[in-house]
Amino acid sequence: MACYAIGDIQGCYDEFMRLLQTIQFDPKRDQLWLCGDIINRGPKSLEVIDYVMQLGTRAVTVLGNHDLHFLALANGIGKPRRQDTLGPLLESHRLDDLIQWIRHQPLLHYDEQYKALLVHAGIYPQWNLAQAKSYANEVEAQLQSDNYVDFLNVMYGNQPNCWQDDLSGFDRIRFITNVFTRMRFCDAEGHLDMHHKGAIGTQAAGLQPWYEFLIAEYKQKQIFFGHWSTLGESKHANIHALDSGCLWGGKLTAMRVDAPSIIQQINCEADLSINR
């Protein structure tokens, strides 16, 4: 059995299928770890989510910011963005099933056998693994509750931008959500910068990628994440950034979770974004 982690698909179904063919994925034997943002901006989000849903337990999918954006729009919250391509999902006769499926996906997945974590954006540097799992569970419980729409109504926002143990209510849930689905740069004290999206070296003084400040516990863990297509390769052997910009004409990347030195990519020759 092989286990592959794959970067942000974002509705690029044809490229996703080509990558699975390249790695010779066998749904009866192998497993996929998907880094979130499997939908939106690309042309075939409905086809992607249909395929992943059909895989059942053979696929693990963590939630990304675009997945949460879909939940908000599906519940009449917020406004569509110019680059959104969520129309086929929102107009599907199976909309309720799509909402239910996305609501029940995790923000963090950890596998003890592989000593490996899967998240969309990152791990807050000051949290140990037990804390990270617990805080992810808080948001998951909120999303799976009967009143989940209450959270979606206050989900958007960049504050608070630093963790405090006494954070409570929706401020607490919003911060945790931003960590797992939107974070890129932070400072040594744990203040998140939610604005800068560029490559390393273009950020303001004092900011570094979140993984530069991780506590020592994570040195013995493999961390797979997406979200940051401009990041480039990490200098850390156990930090694996998998969003290689397929949507923008880059590559779609798969990495073996059970053997991270094995990386396979396909070229995505065209800019597949709509109304970029």
C-alpha atoms as a PDB file:
ATOM      1  CA  MET A   1       0.000   0.000   0.000  1.00  0.00           C
ATOM      2  CA  ALA A   2       1.171   3.504  -0.854  1.00  0.00           C
ATOM      3  CA  CYS A   3       0.006   6.710   0.798  1.00  0.00           C
ATOM      4  CA  TYR A   4       0.305   9.919  -1.225  1.00  0.00           C
ATOM      5  CA  ALA A   5      -0.140  13.511  -0.064  1.00  0.00           C
ATOM      6  CA  ILE A   6      -1.309  15.830  -2.847  1.00  0.00           C
ATOM      7  CA  GLY A   7      -1.277  19.621  -2.947  1.00  0.00           C
ATOM      8  CA  ASP A   8      -4.153  22.011  -3.610  1.00  0.00           C
ATOM      9  CA  ILE A   9      -6.307  20.727  -6.491  1.00  0.00           C
ATOM     10  CA  GLN A  10      -8.731  23.687  -6.634  1.00  0.00           C
ATOM     11  CA  GLY A  11     -11.065  22.189  -9.182  1.00  0.00           C
ATOM     12  CA  CYS A  12      -8.339  21.049 -11.605  1.00  0.00           C
ATOM     13  CA  TYR A  13      -9.962  17.669 -12.182  1.00  0.00           C
ATOM     14  CA  ASP A  14      -8.214  16.690 -15.427  1.00  0.00           C
ATOM     15  CA  GLU A  15      -4.804  17.351 -13.920  1.00  0.00           C
ATOM     16  CA  PHE A  16      -5.795  15.463 -10.782  1.00  0.00           C
ATOM     17  CA  MET A  17      -6.712  12.430 -12.874  1.00  0.00           C
ATOM     18  CA  ARG A  18      -3.440  12.625 -14.802  1.00  0.00           C
ATOM     19  CA  LEU A  19      -1.480  12.742 -11.558  1.00  0.00           C
ATOM     20  CA  LEU A  20      -3.324   9.706 -10.179  1.00  0.00           C
ATOM     21  CA  GLN A  21      -2.519   7.864 -13.387  1.00  0.00           C
ATOM     22  CA  THR A  22       1.131   8.887 -13.088  1.00  0.00           C
ATOM     23  CA  ILE A  23       1.432   7.542  -9.548  1.00  0.00           C
ATOM     24  CA  GLN A  24      -0.622   4.476 -10.505  1.00  0.00           C
ATOM     25  CA  PHE A  25      -3.061   5.102  -7.694  1.00  0.00           C
ATOM     26  CA  ASP A  26      -5.114   2.033  -6.819  1.00  0.00           C
ATOM     27  CA  PRO A  27      -8.185   2.960  -4.713  1.00  0.00           C
ATOM     28  CA  LYS A  28      -8.462  -0.640  -3.507  1.00  0.00           C
ATOM     29  CA  ARG A  29      -4.974  -0.576  -2.036  1.00  0.00           C
ATOM     30  CA  ASP A  30      -3.607   2.974  -1.744  1.00  0.00           C
ATOM     31  CA  GLN A  31      -4.616   6.077   0.168  1.00  0.00           C
ATOM     32  CA  LEU A  32      -4.651   9.794  -0.667  1.00  0.00           C
ATOM     33  CA  TRP A  33      -4.042  12.669   1.724  1.00  0.00           C
ATOM     34  CA  LEU A  34      -5.426  15.876   0.214  1.00  0.00           C
ATOM     35  CA  CYS A  35      -4.170  19.199   1.561  1.00  0.00           C
ATOM     36  CA  GLY A  36      -7.482  21.050   1.328  1.00  0.00           C
ATOM     37  CA  ASP A  37      -8.816  23.553  -1.188  1.00  0.00           C
ATOM     38  CA  ILE A  38      -9.889  20.738  -3.449  1.00  0.00           C
ATOM     39  CA  ILE A  39     -12.490  23.123  -4.929  1.00  0.00           C
ATOM     40  CA  ASN A  40     -12.844  26.637  -6.366  1.00  0.00           C
ATOM     41  CA  ARG A  41     -11.123  28.771  -8.999  1.00  0.00           C
ATOM     42  CA  GLY A  42     -10.484  25.831 -11.325  1.00  0.00           C
ATOM     43  CA  PRO A  43     -13.024  24.658 -13.922  1.00  0.00           C
ATOM     44  CA  LYS A  44     -14.217  21.301 -12.508  1.00  0.00           C
ATOM     45  CA  SER A  45     -14.770  21.550  -8.774  1.00  0.00           C
ATOM     46  CA  LEU A  46     -17.886  19.382  -8.834  1.00  0.00           C
ATOM     47  CA  GLU A  47     -16.040  16.582 -10.610  1.00  0.00           C
ATOM     48  CA  VAL A  48     -13.207  16.731  -8.070  1.00  0.00           C
ATOM     49  CA  ILE A  49     -15.427  16.574  -5.016  1.00  0.00           C
ATOM     50  CA  ASP A  50     -17.570  13.823  -6.554  1.00  0.00           C
ATOM     51  CA  TYR A  51     -14.487  11.684  -7.127  1.00  0.00           C
ATOM     52  CA  VAL A  52     -13.068  12.289  -3.654  1.00  0.00           C
ATOM     53  CA  MET A  53     -16.394  11.544  -1.988  1.00  0.00           C
ATOM     54  CA  GLN A  54     -16.581   8.248  -3.875  1.00  0.00           C
ATOM     55  CA  LEU A  55     -13.181   7.225  -2.484  1.00  0.00           C
ATOM     56  CA  GLY A  56     -14.618   7.128   1.020  1.00  0.00           C
ATOM     57  CA  THR A  57     -11.979   6.196   3.589  1.00  0.00           C
ATOM     58  CA  ARG A  58      -9.309   5.814   0.889  1.00  0.00           C
ATOM     59  CA  ALA A  59      -9.007   9.616   0.910  1.00  0.00           C
ATOM     60  CA  VAL A  60      -8.302  11.957   3.805  1.00  0.00           C
ATOM     61  CA  THR A  61      -9.154  15.584   3.095  1.00  0.00           C
ATOM     62  CA  VAL A  62      -8.442  18.469   5.459  1.00  0.00           C
ATOM     63  CA  LEU A  63     -10.369  21.714   5.144  1.00  0.00           C
ATOM     64  CA  GLY A  64      -8.908  24.747   3.419  1.00  0.00           C
ATOM     65  CA  ASN A  65     -10.069  28.345   3.197  1.00  0.00           C
ATOM     66  CA  HIS A  66     -11.821  27.780  -0.144  1.00  0.00           C
ATOM     67  CA  ASP A  67     -13.751  24.846   1.272  1.00  0.00           C
ATOM     68  CA  LEU A  68     -14.982  27.030   4.144  1.00  0.00           C
ATOM     69  CA  HIS A  69     -15.793  29.832   1.679  1.00  0.00           C
ATOM     70  CA  PHE A  70     -18.064  27.405  -0.145  1.00  0.00           C
ATOM     71  CA  LEU A  71     -19.900  26.594   3.087  1.00  0.00           C
ATOM     72  CA  ALA A  72     -20.428  30.301   3.721  1.00  0.00           C
ATOM     73  CA  LEU A  73     -21.812  30.996   0.239  1.00  0.00           C
ATOM     74  CA  ALA A  74     -24.025  27.913   0.377  1.00  0.00           C
ATOM     75  CA  ASN A  75     -25.616  29.385   3.488  1.00  0.00           C
ATOM     76  CA  GLY A  76     -26.063  32.877   2.055  1.00  0.00           C
ATOM     77  CA  ILE A  77     -23.116  34.358   3.949  1.00  0.00           C
ATOM     78  CA  GLY A  78     -20.629  36.708   2.335  1.00  0.00           C
ATOM     79  CA  LYS A  79     -20.351  37.552  -1.328  1.00  0.00           C
ATOM     80  CA  PRO A  80     -18.958  35.532  -4.252  1.00  0.00           C
ATOM     81  CA  ARG A  81     -15.516  36.644  -5.340  1.00  0.00           C
ATOM     82  CA  ARG A  82     -14.618  37.433  -8.919  1.00  0.00           C
ATOM     83  CA  GLN A  83     -12.405  34.342  -9.167  1.00  0.00           C
ATOM     84  CA  ASP A  84     -14.940  31.927  -7.680  1.00  0.00           C
ATOM     85  CA  THR A  85     -16.077  28.962  -9.786  1.00  0.00           C
ATOM     86  CA  LEU A  86     -18.443  27.437  -7.253  1.00  0.00           C
ATOM     87  CA  GLY A  87     -21.606  27.854  -9.312  1.00  0.00           C
ATOM     88  CA  PRO A  88     -21.943  24.168 -10.311  1.00  0.00           C
ATOM     89  CA  LEU A  89     -21.699  23.119  -6.656  1.00  0.00           C
ATOM     90  CA  LEU A  90     -24.120  25.761  -5.417  1.00  0.00           C
ATOM     91  CA  GLU A  91     -26.610  24.877  -8.157  1.00  0.00           C
ATOM     92  CA  SER A  92     -26.261  21.108  -7.779  1.00  0.00           C
ATOM     93  CA  HIS A  93     -29.340  19.111  -6.810  1.00  0.00           C
ATOM     94  CA  ARG A  94     -27.008  17.410  -4.314  1.00  0.00           C
ATOM     95  CA  LEU A  95     -26.029  20.647  -2.594  1.00  0.00           C
ATOM     96  CA  ASP A  96     -27.109  19.401   0.838  1.00  0.00           C
ATOM     97  CA  ASP A  97     -24.926  16.295   0.473  1.00  0.00           C
ATOM     98  CA  LEU A  98     -21.924  18.407  -0.566  1.00  0.00           C
ATOM     99  CA  ILE A  99     -22.416  20.704   2.418  1.00  0.00           C
ATOM    100  CA  GLN A 100     -22.724  17.778   4.800  1.00  0.00           C
ATOM    101  CA  TRP A 101     -19.596  16.104   3.464  1.00  0.00           C
ATOM    102  CA  ILE A 102     -17.432  19.223   3.686  1.00  0.00           C
ATOM    103  CA  ARG A 103     -18.713  20.061   7.181  1.00  0.00           C
ATOM    104  CA  HIS A 104     -17.492  16.684   8.420  1.00  0.00           C
ATOM    105  CA  GLN A 105     -13.914  16.885   7.155  1.00  0.00           C
ATOM    106  CA  PRO A 106     -11.094  17.573   9.669  1.00  0.00           C
ATOM    107  CA  LEU A 107      -8.752  20.541   9.943  1.00  0.00           C
ATOM    108  CA  LEU A 108      -5.841  18.356  11.031  1.00  0.00           C
ATOM    109  CA  HIS A 109      -5.045  14.713  10.378  1.00  0.00           C
ATOM    110  CA  TYR A 110      -2.307  12.873  12.262  1.00  0.00           C
ATOM    111  CA  ASP A 111      -1.136   9.336  11.610  1.00  0.00           C
ATOM    112  CA  GLU A 112       0.904   7.733  14.355  1.00  0.00           C
ATOM    113  CA  GLN A 113       2.232   4.986  12.073  1.00  0.00           C
ATOM    114  CA  TYR A 114       3.851   7.503   9.735  1.00  0.00           C
ATOM    115  CA  LYS A 115       4.481  10.142  12.445  1.00  0.00           C
ATOM    116  CA  ALA A 116       2.950  12.539   9.928  1.00  0.00           C
ATOM    117  CA  LEU A 117       0.523  15.468  10.015  1.00  0.00           C
ATOM    118  CA  LEU A 118      -1.673  16.852   7.252  1.00  0.00           C
ATOM    119  CA  VAL A 119      -3.005  20.423   7.396  1.00  0.00           C
ATOM    120  CA  HIS A 120      -3.973  23.018   4.845  1.00  0.00           C
ATOM    121  CA  ALA A 121      -1.993  26.084   5.945  1.00  0.00           C
ATOM    122  CA  GLY A 122       0.103  25.148   8.953  1.00  0.00           C
ATOM    123  CA  ILE A 123       0.550  24.440  12.664  1.00  0.00           C
ATOM    124  CA  TYR A 124       0.682  27.299  15.154  1.00  0.00           C
ATOM    125  CA  PRO A 125       4.305  27.287  16.397  1.00  0.00           C
ATOM    126  CA  GLN A 126       3.451  27.609  20.083  1.00  0.00           C
ATOM    127  CA  TRP A 127       1.060  24.648  20.169  1.00  0.00           C
ATOM    128  CA  ASN A 128       2.270  21.143  20.856  1.00  0.00           C
ATOM    129  CA  LEU A 129       0.663  18.319  18.919  1.00  0.00           C
ATOM    130  CA  ALA A 130      -1.874  17.486  21.613  1.00  0.00           C
ATOM    131  CA  GLN A 131      -2.980  21.113  21.721  1.00  0.00           C
ATOM    132  CA  ALA A 132      -3.141  21.396  17.937  1.00  0.00           C
ATOM    133  CA  LYS A 133      -5.363  18.321  17.709  1.00  0.00           C
ATOM    134  CA  SER A 134      -7.586  19.545  20.535  1.00  0.00           C
ATOM    135  CA  TYR A 135      -8.029  23.016  19.048  1.00  0.00           C
ATOM    136  CA  ALA A 136      -8.743  21.581  15.605  1.00  0.00           C
ATOM    137  CA  ASN A 137     -11.413  19.433  17.221  1.00  0.00           C
ATOM    138  CA  GLU A 138     -13.049  22.559  18.657  1.00  0.00           C
ATOM    139  CA  VAL A 139     -13.595  24.009  15.191  1.00  0.00           C
ATOM    140  CA  GLU A 140     -14.658  20.650  13.771  1.00  0.00           C
ATOM    141  CA  ALA A 141     -17.266  20.323  16.520  1.00  0.00           C
ATOM    142  CA  GLN A 142     -18.551  23.798  15.706  1.00  0.00           C
ATOM    143  CA  LEU A 143     -18.834  23.005  12.003  1.00  0.00           C
ATOM    144  CA  GLN A 144     -20.622  19.745  12.694  1.00  0.00           C
ATOM    145  CA  SER A 145     -23.087  21.234  15.170  1.00  0.00           C
ATOM    146  CA  ASP A 146     -26.669  22.185  14.389  1.00  0.00           C
ATOM    147  CA  ASN A 147     -25.819  25.868  14.787  1.00  0.00           C
ATOM    148  CA  TYR A 148     -22.724  25.839  12.554  1.00  0.00           C
ATOM    149  CA  VAL A 149     -24.102  28.761  10.528  1.00  0.00           C
ATOM    150  CA  ASP A 150     -23.578  30.998  13.567  1.00  0.00           C
ATOM    151  CA  PHE A 151     -19.844  30.444  13.215  1.00  0.00           C
ATOM    152  CA  LEU A 152     -19.864  30.992   9.449  1.00  0.00           C
ATOM    153  CA  ASN A 153     -21.456  34.392  10.071  1.00  0.00           C
ATOM    154  CA  VAL A 154     -18.410  35.526  12.078  1.00  0.00           C
ATOM    155  CA  MET A 155     -15.722  33.388  10.452  1.00  0.00           C
ATOM    156  CA  TYR A 156     -14.143  36.094   8.300  1.00  0.00           C
ATOM    157  CA  GLY A 157     -11.615  38.409   9.927  1.00  0.00           C
ATOM    158  CA  ASN A 158      -7.951  38.729  10.902  1.00  0.00           C
ATOM    159  CA  GLN A 159      -8.408  39.366  14.622  1.00  0.00           C
ATOM    160  CA  PRO A 160      -7.312  38.231  17.077  1.00  0.00           C
ATOM    161  CA  ASN A 161      -3.894  37.730  15.495  1.00  0.00           C
ATOM    162  CA  CYS A 162      -2.121  36.067  18.432  1.00  0.00           C
ATOM    163  CA  TRP A 163      -3.039  33.144  20.652  1.00  0.00           C
ATOM    164  CA  GLN A 164      -3.993  33.588  24.282  1.00  0.00           C
ATOM    165  CA  ASP A 165      -5.072  30.645  26.426  1.00  0.00           C
ATOM    166  CA  ASP A 166      -8.071  32.627  27.643  1.00  0.00           C
ATOM    167  CA  LEU A 167      -9.427  33.363  24.180  1.00  0.00           C
ATOM    168  CA  SER A 168     -13.086  32.404  24.137  1.00  0.00           C
ATOM    169  CA  GLY A 169     -16.184  32.378  21.982  1.00  0.00           C
ATOM    170  CA  PHE A 170     -15.980  33.053  18.286  1.00  0.00           C
ATOM    171  CA  ASP A 171     -12.679  34.965  18.665  1.00  0.00           C
ATOM    172  CA  ARG A 172     -11.103  31.695  19.771  1.00  0.00           C
ATOM    173  CA  ILE A 173     -12.681  29.653  16.972  1.00  0.00           C
ATOM    174  CA  ARG A 174     -11.798  32.283  14.340  1.00  0.00           C
ATOM    175  CA  PHE A 175      -8.143  32.326  15.386  1.00  0.00           C
ATOM    176  CA  ILE A 176      -7.878  28.542  15.313  1.00  0.00           C
ATOM    177  CA  THR A 177      -9.537  28.477  11.885  1.00  0.00           C
ATOM    178  CA  ASN A 178      -7.137  31.105  10.535  1.00  0.00           C
ATOM    179  CA  VAL A 179      -4.156  29.086  11.747  1.00  0.00           C
ATOM    180  CA  PHE A 180      -5.198  25.893  10.022  1.00  0.00           C
ATOM    181  CA  THR A 181      -6.611  27.413   6.821  1.00  0.00           C
ATOM    182  CA  ARG A 182      -4.979  30.815   6.151  1.00  0.00           C
ATOM    183  CA  MET A 183      -1.680  31.257   8.025  1.00  0.00           C
ATOM    184  CA  ARG A 184       1.606  31.891   6.207  1.00  0.00           C
ATOM    185  CA  PHE A 185       3.929  34.325   8.006  1.00  0.00           C
ATOM    186  CA  CYS A 186       4.193  35.075  11.718  1.00  0.00           C
ATOM    187  CA  ASP A 187       6.714  36.562  14.124  1.00  0.00           C
ATOM    188  CA  ALA A 188       8.623  35.000  16.995  1.00  0.00           C
ATOM    189  CA  GLU A 189       5.885  35.953  19.484  1.00  0.00           C
ATOM    190  CA  GLY A 190       3.235  34.195  17.403  1.00  0.00           C
ATOM    191  CA  HIS A 191       1.520  37.204  15.806  1.00  0.00           C
ATOM    192  CA  LEU A 192       0.037  36.191  12.470  1.00  0.00           C
ATOM    193  CA  ASP A 193       0.415  38.356   9.371  1.00  0.00           C
ATOM    194  CA  MET A 194      -2.697  37.577   7.337  1.00  0.00           C
ATOM    195  CA  HIS A 195      -1.917  39.956   4.485  1.00  0.00           C
ATOM    196  CA  HIS A 196       1.395  38.991   2.900  1.00  0.00           C
ATOM    197  CA  LYS A 197       1.183  36.069   0.460  1.00  0.00           C
ATOM    198  CA  GLY A 198       4.492  36.324  -1.361  1.00  0.00           C
ATOM    199  CA  ALA A 199       7.656  34.271  -1.461  1.00  0.00           C
ATOM    200  CA  ILE A 200      10.198  34.120   1.343  1.00  0.00           C
ATOM    201  CA  GLY A 201      12.346  37.238   1.269  1.00  0.00           C
ATOM    202  CA  THR A 202       9.513  39.574   0.337  1.00  0.00           C
ATOM    203  CA  GLN A 203       8.026  39.792   3.845  1.00  0.00           C
ATOM    204  CA  ALA A 204       8.449  42.567   6.400  1.00  0.00           C
ATOM    205  CA  ALA A 205      11.256  42.450   8.953  1.00  0.00           C
ATOM    206  CA  GLY A 206      10.591  40.093  11.847  1.00  0.00           C
ATOM    207  CA  LEU A 207       8.275  37.799   9.900  1.00  0.00           C
ATOM    208  CA  GLN A 208       9.155  34.239   8.965  1.00  0.00           C
ATOM    209  CA  PRO A 209       7.218  31.251   7.655  1.00  0.00           C
ATOM    210  CA  TRP A 210       5.302  29.671  10.554  1.00  0.00           C
ATOM    211  CA  TYR A 211       7.432  26.503  10.500  1.00  0.00           C
ATOM    212  CA  GLU A 212      10.610  28.439  11.354  1.00  0.00           C
ATOM    213  CA  PHE A 213       9.275  28.890  14.896  1.00  0.00           C
ATOM    214  CA  LEU A 214       7.942  25.373  15.551  1.00  0.00           C
ATOM    215  CA  ILE A 215       8.694  23.820  18.908  1.00  0.00           C
ATOM    216  CA  ALA A 216      11.153  20.898  19.029  1.00  0.00           C
ATOM    217  CA  GLU A 217       8.427  18.232  19.216  1.00  0.00           C
ATOM    218  CA  TYR A 218       7.714  18.623  15.500  1.00  0.00           C
ATOM    219  CA  LYS A 219      11.266  17.828  14.414  1.00  0.00           C
ATOM    220  CA  GLN A 220      10.327  14.162  14.750  1.00  0.00           C
ATOM    221  CA  LYS A 221       7.164  14.588  12.660  1.00  0.00           C
ATOM    222  CA  GLN A 222       6.565  14.905   8.935  1.00  0.00           C
ATOM    223  CA  ILE A 223       4.287  17.864   8.145  1.00  0.00           C
ATOM    224  CA  PHE A 224       2.447  18.047   4.823  1.00  0.00           C
ATOM    225  CA  PHE A 225       0.619  21.232   3.885  1.00  0.00           C
ATOM    226  CA  GLY A 226      -0.593  23.287   0.921  1.00  0.00           C
ATOM    227  CA  HIS A 227      -2.080  26.796   0.645  1.00  0.00           C
ATOM    228  CA  TRP A 228       1.133  28.679  -0.205  1.00  0.00           C
ATOM    229  CA  SER A 229       1.843  28.364  -3.924  1.00  0.00           C
ATOM    230  CA  THR A 230       4.560  31.060  -3.897  1.00  0.00           C
ATOM    231  CA  LEU A 231       6.521  29.483  -1.044  1.00  0.00           C
ATOM    232  CA  GLY A 232       8.952  27.231  -2.878  1.00  0.00           C
ATOM    233  CA  GLU A 233      10.859  24.428  -1.207  1.00  0.00           C
ATOM    234  CA  SER A 234      11.455  24.304   2.528  1.00  0.00           C
ATOM    235  CA  LYS A 235      14.985  23.915   3.853  1.00  0.00           C
ATOM    236  CA  HIS A 236      13.614  21.597   6.547  1.00  0.00           C
ATOM    237  CA  ALA A 237      13.687  17.902   5.707  1.00  0.00           C
ATOM    238  CA  ASN A 238      10.425  17.208   7.519  1.00  0.00           C
ATOM    239  CA  ILE A 239       8.381  20.187   6.207  1.00  0.00           C
ATOM    240  CA  HIS A 240       6.646  19.474   2.900  1.00  0.00           C
ATOM    241  CA  ALA A 241       4.947  22.314   1.031  1.00  0.00           C
ATOM    242  CA  LEU A 242       2.795  20.731  -1.665  1.00  0.00           C
ATOM    243  CA  ASP A 243       0.919  23.605  -3.323  1.00  0.00           C
ATOM    244  CA  SER A 244       2.987  23.996  -6.471  1.00  0.00           C
ATOM    245  CA  GLY A 245       0.548  26.271  -8.311  1.00  0.00           C
ATOM    246  CA  CYS A 246      -1.270  23.909 -10.650  1.00  0.00           C
ATOM    247  CA  LEU A 247      -4.108  26.417 -10.940  1.00  0.00           C
ATOM    248  CA  TRP A 248      -1.729  29.070 -12.217  1.00  0.00           C
ATOM    249  CA  GLY A 249       0.044  26.892 -14.777  1.00  0.00           C
ATOM    250  CA  GLY A 250       2.549  25.350 -12.363  1.00  0.00           C
ATOM    251  CA  LYS A 251       2.542  21.727 -11.247  1.00  0.00           C
ATOM    252  CA  LEU A 252       0.354  19.351  -9.283  1.00  0.00           C
ATOM    253  CA  THR A 253       2.469  17.507  -6.724  1.00  0.00           C
ATOM    254  CA  ALA A 254       2.175  14.147  -5.000  1.00  0.00           C
ATOM    255  CA  MET A 255       4.585  12.995  -2.280  1.00  0.00           C
ATOM    256  CA  ARG A 256       4.739   9.614  -0.620  1.00  0.00           C
ATOM    257  CA  VAL A 257       3.778   9.965   3.038  1.00  0.00           C
ATOM    258  CA  ASP A 258       5.424   6.636   3.792  1.00  0.00           C
ATOM    259  CA  ALA A 259       8.558   7.595   1.823  1.00  0.00           C
ATOM    260  CA  PRO A 260       8.765  11.416   1.515  1.00  0.00           C
ATOM    261  CA  SER A 261      11.799  11.296  -0.757  1.00  0.00           C
ATOM    262  CA  ILE A 262       9.505  10.013  -3.524  1.00  0.00           C
ATOM    263  CA  ILE A 263       7.921  12.985  -5.272  1.00  0.00           C
ATOM    264  CA  GLN A 264       5.952  12.934  -8.511  1.00  0.00           C
ATOM    265  CA  GLN A 265       4.581  15.926 -10.382  1.00  0.00           C
ATOM    266  CA  ILE A 266       2.731  16.705 -13.553  1.00  0.00           C
ATOM    267  CA  ASN A 267       2.938  19.961 -15.479  1.00  0.00           C
ATOM    268  CA  CYS A 268      -0.172  22.118 -15.613  1.00  0.00           C
ATOM    269  CA  GLU A 269       0.644  24.014 -18.763  1.00  0.00           C
ATOM    270  CA  ALA A 270      -2.272  26.441 -18.827  1.00  0.00           C
ATOM    271  CA  ASP A 271      -3.566  29.012 -16.385  1.00  0.00           C
ATOM    272  CA  LEU A 272      -6.771  27.243 -15.383  1.00  0.00           C
ATOM    273  CA  SER A 273      -8.202  30.025 -13.239  1.00  0.00           C
ATOM    274  CA  ILE A 274     -11.379  31.624 -14.503  1.00  0.00           C
ATOM    275  CA  ASN A 275     -11.716  35.430 -14.421  1.00  0.00           C
ATOM    276  CA  ARG A 276      -8.284  35.735 -12.825  1.00  0.00           C
END
